[in-house]
N, C-alpha and C. Protein backbone atom coordinates (compact mmCIF):
# COMPACT_ATOMS: atom_id res chain seq x y z
N MET A 1 108.55 81.73 103.34
CA MET A 1 107.11 82.76 103.97
C MET A 1 106.01 81.78 104.30
N SER A 2 105.45 81.97 105.86
CA SER A 2 104.29 81.15 106.17
C SER A 2 102.96 81.77 105.35
N LYS A 3 102.11 80.69 105.66
CA LYS A 3 100.72 81.31 104.67
C LYS A 3 100.19 82.61 105.22
N ASN A 4 100.48 82.69 106.50
CA ASN A 4 100.11 83.84 107.52
C ASN A 4 100.57 85.01 107.07
N GLU A 5 101.86 85.19 106.79
CA GLU A 5 102.67 86.09 106.73
C GLU A 5 102.48 86.88 105.01
N GLN A 6 102.22 85.63 104.45
CA GLN A 6 102.12 86.15 102.75
C GLN A 6 100.35 86.39 102.67
N PHE A 7 99.53 86.34 103.47
CA PHE A 7 98.14 86.99 103.34
C PHE A 7 98.44 88.35 104.16
N LEU A 8 99.13 88.48 105.15
CA LEU A 8 99.61 89.92 105.52
C LEU A 8 100.02 90.86 104.90
N LYS A 9 101.33 90.38 103.98
CA LYS A 9 101.50 91.05 103.24
C LYS A 9 101.17 91.42 102.12
N GLU A 10 100.01 90.68 101.52
CA GLU A 10 99.08 90.65 100.37
C GLU A 10 98.16 91.81 100.87
N LEU A 11 97.57 91.55 102.33
CA LEU A 11 96.63 92.63 102.73
C LEU A 11 97.29 94.19 102.85
N SER A 12 98.56 94.27 103.46
CA SER A 12 98.71 95.23 103.32
C SER A 12 99.42 96.01 102.34
N GLU A 13 99.76 95.54 100.92
CA GLU A 13 99.71 96.21 99.53
C GLU A 13 98.73 96.26 99.12
N LEU A 14 97.35 95.76 99.30
CA LEU A 14 95.99 96.13 99.04
C LEU A 14 95.58 97.38 99.57
N SER A 15 95.71 97.42 101.18
CA SER A 15 95.48 98.60 102.04
C SER A 15 96.36 99.89 101.30
N ARG A 16 97.72 99.43 101.36
CA ARG A 16 98.33 100.85 100.79
C ARG A 16 97.79 101.69 98.88
N LYS A 17 97.35 100.16 98.34
CA LYS A 17 97.09 100.43 96.76
C LYS A 17 95.99 101.54 97.06
N HIS A 18 94.70 101.01 97.72
CA HIS A 18 93.44 102.09 98.07
C HIS A 18 93.21 102.79 98.81
N LYS A 19 94.60 102.80 99.75
CA LYS A 19 94.11 103.98 100.66
C LYS A 19 93.19 103.36 101.70
N MET A 20 92.87 102.00 102.07
CA MET A 20 91.60 102.03 103.23
C MET A 20 92.16 100.73 104.15
N TYR A 21 91.54 100.90 105.08
CA TYR A 21 92.36 100.00 105.71
C TYR A 21 91.08 99.22 106.77
N ILE A 22 91.58 98.33 107.47
CA ILE A 22 90.73 97.28 108.04
C ILE A 22 90.93 97.00 109.32
N GLY A 23 90.21 97.63 110.27
CA GLY A 23 90.39 97.76 111.63
C GLY A 23 88.94 97.19 112.30
N GLY A 24 89.02 96.89 114.04
CA GLY A 24 88.05 96.51 114.74
C GLY A 24 87.66 96.97 116.05
N CYS A 25 86.65 96.77 116.48
CA CYS A 25 86.22 97.19 117.60
C CYS A 25 86.67 96.80 118.93
N GLY A 26 86.88 97.22 120.04
CA GLY A 26 87.37 96.55 120.72
C GLY A 26 86.87 96.07 121.78
N CYS A 27 85.13 96.32 121.54
CA CYS A 27 84.15 95.78 122.41
C CYS A 27 83.48 94.64 121.74
N CYS A 28 83.56 94.70 120.70
CA CYS A 28 83.30 93.10 120.20
C CYS A 28 83.82 93.04 118.89
N GLY A 29 84.93 93.31 118.49
CA GLY A 29 86.10 92.71 117.72
C GLY A 29 85.21 92.88 116.30
N SER A 30 84.23 93.69 116.03
CA SER A 30 83.58 93.88 114.78
C SER A 30 84.68 94.18 113.45
N PRO A 31 84.94 93.74 112.57
CA PRO A 31 85.65 94.72 111.57
C PRO A 31 85.25 95.25 110.82
N PHE A 32 85.90 96.40 110.57
CA PHE A 32 85.38 97.80 109.77
C PHE A 32 86.51 98.01 109.12
N VAL A 33 86.22 99.12 108.27
CA VAL A 33 86.99 99.92 107.35
C VAL A 33 86.96 101.42 107.26
N ASN A 34 88.12 101.65 107.34
CA ASN A 34 88.76 102.94 107.45
C ASN A 34 89.46 103.62 106.31
N ASP A 35 89.22 105.06 105.92
CA ASP A 35 90.18 105.64 105.05
C ASP A 35 91.41 106.28 105.66
N ASP A 36 91.94 106.48 104.72
CA ASP A 36 93.10 106.89 104.54
C ASP A 36 93.61 108.44 105.45
N TYR A 37 92.42 109.00 105.46
CA TYR A 37 92.51 109.97 106.20
C TYR A 37 91.96 109.56 108.01
N ASP A 38 91.75 108.81 107.96
CA ASP A 38 90.77 108.40 109.40
C ASP A 38 89.61 109.47 109.67
N LYS A 39 89.02 109.18 108.66
CA LYS A 39 87.61 110.22 108.79
C LYS A 39 86.24 109.18 109.51
N GLY A 40 86.87 107.93 109.98
CA GLY A 40 85.75 107.19 111.00
C GLY A 40 85.49 105.79 110.17
N VAL A 41 84.46 105.25 110.67
CA VAL A 41 84.09 103.86 109.93
C VAL A 41 83.55 104.12 108.74
N LEU A 42 83.77 103.73 107.86
CA LEU A 42 83.50 103.64 106.26
C LEU A 42 82.17 102.87 106.24
N ARG A 43 82.29 101.64 106.94
CA ARG A 43 81.10 100.59 107.05
C ARG A 43 81.27 99.50 108.00
N ASN A 44 80.62 98.67 108.23
CA ASN A 44 81.09 97.20 108.77
C ASN A 44 81.32 96.31 107.79
N LEU A 45 82.48 95.48 107.79
CA LEU A 45 82.54 94.54 107.06
C LEU A 45 82.37 93.11 107.17
N PHE A 46 82.24 92.39 106.88
CA PHE A 46 81.27 90.67 106.82
C PHE A 46 81.45 90.17 105.70
N TRP A 47 82.31 88.56 105.98
CA TRP A 47 81.95 87.39 105.24
C TRP A 47 81.18 87.04 104.55
N ASP A 48 80.59 87.06 103.60
CA ASP A 48 79.50 86.13 102.91
C ASP A 48 79.88 84.83 102.40
N ASP A 49 78.99 84.21 103.20
CA ASP A 49 79.91 82.23 103.26
C ASP A 49 79.07 81.78 101.87
N LEU A 50 77.80 82.44 101.38
CA LEU A 50 77.12 82.38 99.91
C LEU A 50 78.07 82.72 98.77
N LYS A 51 78.59 83.87 98.71
CA LYS A 51 79.58 84.28 97.70
C LYS A 51 81.15 84.45 97.81
N GLN A 52 81.47 83.60 99.21
CA GLN A 52 83.08 83.22 99.38
C GLN A 52 83.85 84.72 99.03
N GLU A 53 83.15 85.56 99.74
CA GLU A 53 83.72 87.23 99.43
C GLU A 53 83.48 87.92 100.44
N TYR A 54 84.14 89.45 100.55
CA TYR A 54 83.79 90.33 101.64
C TYR A 54 82.62 91.25 101.25
N GLY A 55 82.19 91.51 102.11
CA GLY A 55 80.93 92.83 101.77
C GLY A 55 80.94 93.72 102.91
N LEU A 56 80.32 94.71 102.49
CA LEU A 56 80.21 95.99 103.21
C LEU A 56 78.76 96.23 103.78
N GLU A 57 78.30 96.16 104.96
CA GLU A 57 76.88 96.49 105.79
C GLU A 57 76.49 97.67 104.98
N GLU A 58 74.90 97.62 104.56
CA GLU A 58 74.64 99.00 103.80
C GLU A 58 73.93 99.39 105.22
N TYR A 59 73.62 100.92 105.05
CA TYR A 59 73.46 101.66 106.11
C TYR A 59 71.97 102.12 105.91
């Protein structure tokens, strides 16, 4: 299994576990997190280079 396939497999398992899914905007490509019931964007997602982890924008 390639590195990309392994990443997508683990991301799929994580999404199913927490019932939260990563999506993207069609115009700007910004990633966001949706819940299982598709109630809309929960928060915009970003990669924090300093912490080396994902974070969610505060509103």
